Amino acid sequence: MSKLAKDILLKNGAPPTVQWSQKPKTLPELLNVQRLKAYKFKAQPEHWFQKGFEGCYYEIHKVKFKEYKGEPTHGKAWGIQFWNGQQMQNQPVEIKGGLKFSWRQYESPKEHGIVYSRDLTQTVERRRTNMLRQHGKASE
């Protein structure tokens, strides 16, 4: 790499491709990277992974992209939800929260040696439920 290129990179921080790969991705952004392998791709919201939900993910069956500022970063996705390893629907349904949440490829937390205590998970869920009740959005 030339000295000029190194100076530009050091002055402006990380290159745009590195910055893009490190930022949280919406579901359409994640699937756009996997465009050729998006069928039966397993994705899960980041907060499911952080809570340690094992076997909870969506299996993507259809994606329809919309361009936003010239990039296919918006759109809709349809898939089958799996909860604790069990299939919840027979037919693909529209996945809600594709633009709202950060998404990641499904990986079992146990594969990475991450172990969540059951008490901690229940405490987090209790707090979440109480907050929703306080704001008038009782969970179902």
C-alpha atoms as a PDB file:
ATOM      1  CA  MET A   1       0.000   0.000   0.000  1.00  0.00           C
ATOM      2  CA  SER A   2       1.330   3.432  -0.859  1.00  0.00           C
ATOM      3  CA  LYS A   3       2.304   5.995   1.746  1.00  0.00           C
ATOM      4  CA  LEU A   4      -0.460   8.334   0.545  1.00  0.00           C
ATOM      5  CA  ALA A   5      -3.118   5.627   0.959  1.00  0.00           C
ATOM      6  CA  LYS A   6      -1.869   4.807   4.466  1.00  0.00           C
ATOM      7  CA  ASP A   7      -1.960   8.489   5.436  1.00  0.00           C
ATOM      8  CA  ILE A   8      -5.543   8.835   4.183  1.00  0.00           C
ATOM      9  CA  LEU A   9      -6.683   5.714   6.072  1.00  0.00           C
ATOM     10  CA  LEU A  10      -4.972   6.754   9.285  1.00  0.00           C
ATOM     11  CA  LYS A  11      -6.342  10.293   9.077  1.00  0.00           C
ATOM     12  CA  ASN A  12      -9.947   9.253   8.415  1.00  0.00           C
ATOM     13  CA  GLY A  13     -10.105   6.230  10.739  1.00  0.00           C
ATOM     14  CA  ALA A  14     -11.181   2.784   9.610  1.00  0.00           C
ATOM     15  CA  PRO A  15     -12.090   2.250   5.938  1.00  0.00           C
ATOM     16  CA  PRO A  16     -15.841   2.402   5.144  1.00  0.00           C
ATOM     17  CA  THR A  17     -16.045  -1.359   4.574  1.00  0.00           C
ATOM     18  CA  VAL A  18     -14.657  -2.055   8.048  1.00  0.00           C
ATOM     19  CA  GLN A  19     -17.007   0.522   9.602  1.00  0.00           C
ATOM     20  CA  TRP A  20     -19.986  -1.078   7.796  1.00  0.00           C
ATOM     21  CA  SER A  21     -19.073  -4.613   8.869  1.00  0.00           C
ATOM     22  CA  GLN A  22     -18.851  -3.587  12.533  1.00  0.00           C
ATOM     23  CA  LYS A  23     -22.165  -1.737  12.804  1.00  0.00           C
ATOM     24  CA  PRO A  24     -25.361  -3.537  13.849  1.00  0.00           C
ATOM     25  CA  LYS A  25     -27.385  -4.683  10.833  1.00  0.00           C
ATOM     26  CA  THR A  26     -31.090  -4.713  10.146  1.00  0.00           C
ATOM     27  CA  LEU A  27     -32.567  -7.901   8.697  1.00  0.00           C
ATOM     28  CA  PRO A  28     -32.553  -6.661   5.060  1.00  0.00           C
ATOM     29  CA  GLU A  29     -28.923  -5.530   5.400  1.00  0.00           C
ATOM     30  CA  LEU A  30     -27.922  -8.915   6.796  1.00  0.00           C
ATOM     31  CA  LEU A  31     -29.788 -10.785   4.058  1.00  0.00           C
ATOM     32  CA  ASN A  32     -28.392  -8.520   1.332  1.00  0.00           C
ATOM     33  CA  VAL A  33     -24.901  -9.741   2.216  1.00  0.00           C
ATOM     34  CA  GLN A  34     -26.199 -13.335   2.050  1.00  0.00           C
ATOM     35  CA  ARG A  35     -28.183 -12.719  -1.142  1.00  0.00           C
ATOM     36  CA  LEU A  36     -27.211 -15.966  -2.865  1.00  0.00           C
ATOM     37  CA  LYS A  37     -27.526 -18.028   0.315  1.00  0.00           C
ATOM     38  CA  ALA A  38     -30.568 -16.276   1.825  1.00  0.00           C
ATOM     39  CA  TYR A  39     -32.973 -19.214   1.292  1.00  0.00           C
ATOM     40  CA  LYS A  40     -33.190 -21.205   4.542  1.00  0.00           C
ATOM     41  CA  PHE A  41     -30.731 -18.771   6.147  1.00  0.00           C
ATOM     42  CA  LYS A  42     -31.080 -18.798   9.952  1.00  0.00           C
ATOM     43  CA  ALA A  43     -31.262 -15.348  11.560  1.00  0.00           C
ATOM     44  CA  GLN A  44     -32.193 -14.115  15.008  1.00  0.00           C
ATOM     45  CA  PRO A  45     -32.580 -10.724  16.672  1.00  0.00           C
ATOM     46  CA  GLU A  46     -29.535  -9.708  18.668  1.00  0.00           C
ATOM     47  CA  HIS A  47     -31.518  -9.441  21.914  1.00  0.00           C
ATOM     48  CA  TRP A  48     -32.577 -13.108  21.661  1.00  0.00           C
ATOM     49  CA  PHE A  49     -28.912 -14.100  21.484  1.00  0.00           C
ATOM     50  CA  GLN A  50     -27.968 -11.843  24.404  1.00  0.00           C
ATOM     51  CA  LYS A  51     -30.696 -13.384  26.558  1.00  0.00           C
ATOM     52  CA  GLY A  52     -29.399 -16.864  25.722  1.00  0.00           C
ATOM     53  CA  PHE A  53     -32.504 -18.240  23.977  1.00  0.00           C
ATOM     54  CA  GLU A  54     -31.358 -21.597  22.654  1.00  0.00           C
ATOM     55  CA  GLY A  55     -32.949 -22.813  19.413  1.00  0.00           C
ATOM     56  CA  CYS A  56     -34.909 -19.577  18.798  1.00  0.00           C
ATOM     57  CA  TYR A  57     -34.499 -18.174  15.287  1.00  0.00           C
ATOM     58  CA  TYR A  58     -36.205 -17.519  11.954  1.00  0.00           C
ATOM     59  CA  GLU A  59     -35.540 -19.634   8.892  1.00  0.00           C
ATOM     60  CA  ILE A  60     -35.768 -17.187   5.964  1.00  0.00           C
ATOM     61  CA  HIS A  61     -37.754 -18.344   2.932  1.00  0.00           C
ATOM     62  CA  LYS A  62     -38.430 -15.158   0.937  1.00  0.00           C
ATOM     63  CA  VAL A  63     -36.954 -11.657   0.804  1.00  0.00           C
ATOM     64  CA  LYS A  64     -38.198  -8.595  -1.052  1.00  0.00           C
ATOM     65  CA  PHE A  65     -35.719  -5.705  -1.032  1.00  0.00           C
ATOM     66  CA  LYS A  66     -36.486  -1.982  -1.372  1.00  0.00           C
ATOM     67  CA  GLU A  67     -33.804   0.486  -2.275  1.00  0.00           C
ATOM     68  CA  TYR A  68     -33.118   3.324   0.123  1.00  0.00           C
ATOM     69  CA  LYS A  69     -30.531   5.890  -1.015  1.00  0.00           C
ATOM     70  CA  GLY A  70     -29.472   3.545  -3.799  1.00  0.00           C
ATOM     71  CA  GLU A  71     -28.795   0.592  -1.469  1.00  0.00           C
ATOM     72  CA  PRO A  72     -31.099  -2.390  -0.772  1.00  0.00           C
ATOM     73  CA  THR A  73     -31.183  -1.737   2.986  1.00  0.00           C
ATOM     74  CA  HIS A  74     -34.960  -1.875   3.431  1.00  0.00           C
ATOM     75  CA  GLY A  75     -37.563  -4.463   2.585  1.00  0.00           C
ATOM     76  CA  LYS A  76     -39.589  -7.360   3.899  1.00  0.00           C
ATOM     77  CA  ALA A  77     -38.716 -10.922   4.754  1.00  0.00           C
ATOM     78  CA  TRP A  78     -40.828 -14.016   5.275  1.00  0.00           C
ATOM     79  CA  GLY A  79     -39.816 -17.063   7.216  1.00  0.00           C
ATOM     80  CA  ILE A  80     -40.709 -19.784   9.666  1.00  0.00           C
ATOM     81  CA  GLN A  81     -40.111 -19.153  13.349  1.00  0.00           C
ATOM     82  CA  PHE A  82     -38.437 -21.793  15.485  1.00  0.00           C
ATOM     83  CA  TRP A  83     -38.780 -21.508  19.251  1.00  0.00           C
ATOM     84  CA  ASN A  84     -36.746 -23.829  21.473  1.00  0.00           C
ATOM     85  CA  GLY A  85     -36.003 -25.898  18.381  1.00  0.00           C
ATOM     86  CA  GLN A  86     -39.675 -26.445  17.496  1.00  0.00           C
ATOM     87  CA  GLN A  87     -41.277 -25.106  14.340  1.00  0.00           C
ATOM     88  CA  MET A  88     -44.039 -22.607  15.186  1.00  0.00           C
ATOM     89  CA  GLN A  89     -45.737 -22.318  11.748  1.00  0.00           C
ATOM     90  CA  ASN A  90     -46.173 -24.512   8.719  1.00  0.00           C
ATOM     91  CA  GLN A  91     -46.125 -21.647   6.198  1.00  0.00           C
ATOM     92  CA  PRO A  92     -43.705 -18.699   6.099  1.00  0.00           C
ATOM     93  CA  VAL A  93     -45.076 -15.519   7.714  1.00  0.00           C
ATOM     94  CA  GLU A  94     -43.841 -11.938   7.463  1.00  0.00           C
ATOM     95  CA  ILE A  95     -41.093 -11.260   9.981  1.00  0.00           C
ATOM     96  CA  LYS A  96     -41.864  -8.229  12.125  1.00  0.00           C
ATOM     97  CA  GLY A  97     -39.105  -6.001  13.479  1.00  0.00           C
ATOM     98  CA  GLY A  98     -36.741  -6.462  10.546  1.00  0.00           C
ATOM     99  CA  LEU A  99     -35.808  -2.770  10.552  1.00  0.00           C
ATOM    100  CA  LYS A 100     -36.372  -2.165  14.262  1.00  0.00           C
ATOM    101  CA  PHE A 101     -33.902  -4.636  15.769  1.00  0.00           C
ATOM    102  CA  SER A 102     -30.284  -5.601  15.160  1.00  0.00           C
ATOM    103  CA  TRP A 103     -30.036  -9.044  13.570  1.00  0.00           C
ATOM    104  CA  ARG A 104     -27.339 -11.683  13.390  1.00  0.00           C
ATOM    105  CA  GLN A 105     -26.807 -15.104  11.892  1.00  0.00           C
ATOM    106  CA  TYR A 106     -28.143 -17.778  14.242  1.00  0.00           C
ATOM    107  CA  GLU A 107     -25.472 -19.383  16.357  1.00  0.00           C
ATOM    108  CA  SER A 108     -26.140 -21.491  19.382  1.00  0.00           C
ATOM    109  CA  PRO A 109     -24.882 -19.683  22.513  1.00  0.00           C
ATOM    110  CA  LYS A 110     -23.571 -22.998  23.848  1.00  0.00           C
ATOM    111  CA  GLU A 111     -21.259 -23.329  20.836  1.00  0.00           C
ATOM    112  CA  HIS A 112     -19.403 -20.235  22.026  1.00  0.00           C
ATOM    113  CA  GLY A 113     -19.273 -21.363  25.634  1.00  0.00           C
ATOM    114  CA  ILE A 114     -21.816 -18.734  26.723  1.00  0.00           C
ATOM    115  CA  VAL A 115     -23.893 -19.999  29.611  1.00  0.00           C
ATOM    116  CA  TYR A 116     -26.809 -18.012  30.989  1.00  0.00           C
ATOM    117  CA  SER A 117     -28.239 -18.713  34.395  1.00  0.00           C
ATOM    118  CA  ARG A 118     -31.958 -19.379  34.446  1.00  0.00           C
ATOM    119  CA  ASP A 119     -32.399 -16.975  37.387  1.00  0.00           C
ATOM    120  CA  LEU A 120     -30.773 -14.098  35.499  1.00  0.00           C
ATOM    121  CA  THR A 121     -32.953 -14.676  32.431  1.00  0.00           C
ATOM    122  CA  GLN A 122     -36.124 -14.771  34.551  1.00  0.00           C
ATOM    123  CA  THR A 123     -35.084 -11.579  36.377  1.00  0.00           C
ATOM    124  CA  VAL A 124     -34.544  -9.762  33.062  1.00  0.00           C
ATOM    125  CA  GLU A 125     -37.941 -10.938  31.788  1.00  0.00           C
ATOM    126  CA  ARG A 126     -39.651  -9.834  35.022  1.00  0.00           C
ATOM    127  CA  ARG A 127     -38.117  -6.360  34.731  1.00  0.00           C
ATOM    128  CA  ARG A 128     -39.164  -6.127  31.084  1.00  0.00           C
ATOM    129  CA  THR A 129     -42.738  -7.158  31.916  1.00  0.00           C
ATOM    130  CA  ASN A 130     -42.938  -4.632  34.753  1.00  0.00           C
ATOM    131  CA  MET A 131     -41.650  -1.833  32.525  1.00  0.00           C
ATOM    132  CA  LEU A 132     -44.217  -2.671  29.850  1.00  0.00           C
ATOM    133  CA  ARG A 133     -47.007  -2.650  32.428  1.00  0.00           C
ATOM    134  CA  GLN A 134     -45.893   0.733  33.762  1.00  0.00           C
ATOM    135  CA  HIS A 135     -46.017   2.202  30.280  1.00  0.00           C
ATOM    136  CA  GLY A 136     -49.420   0.662  29.525  1.00  0.00           C
ATOM    137  CA  LYS A 137     -48.151  -1.915  27.046  1.00  0.00           C
ATOM    138  CA  ALA A 138     -48.970  -5.161  28.795  1.00  0.00           C
ATOM    139  CA  SER A 139     -47.246  -8.098  27.140  1.00  0.00           C
ATOM    140  CA  GLU A 140     -49.290 -10.939  25.783  1.00  0.00           C
END
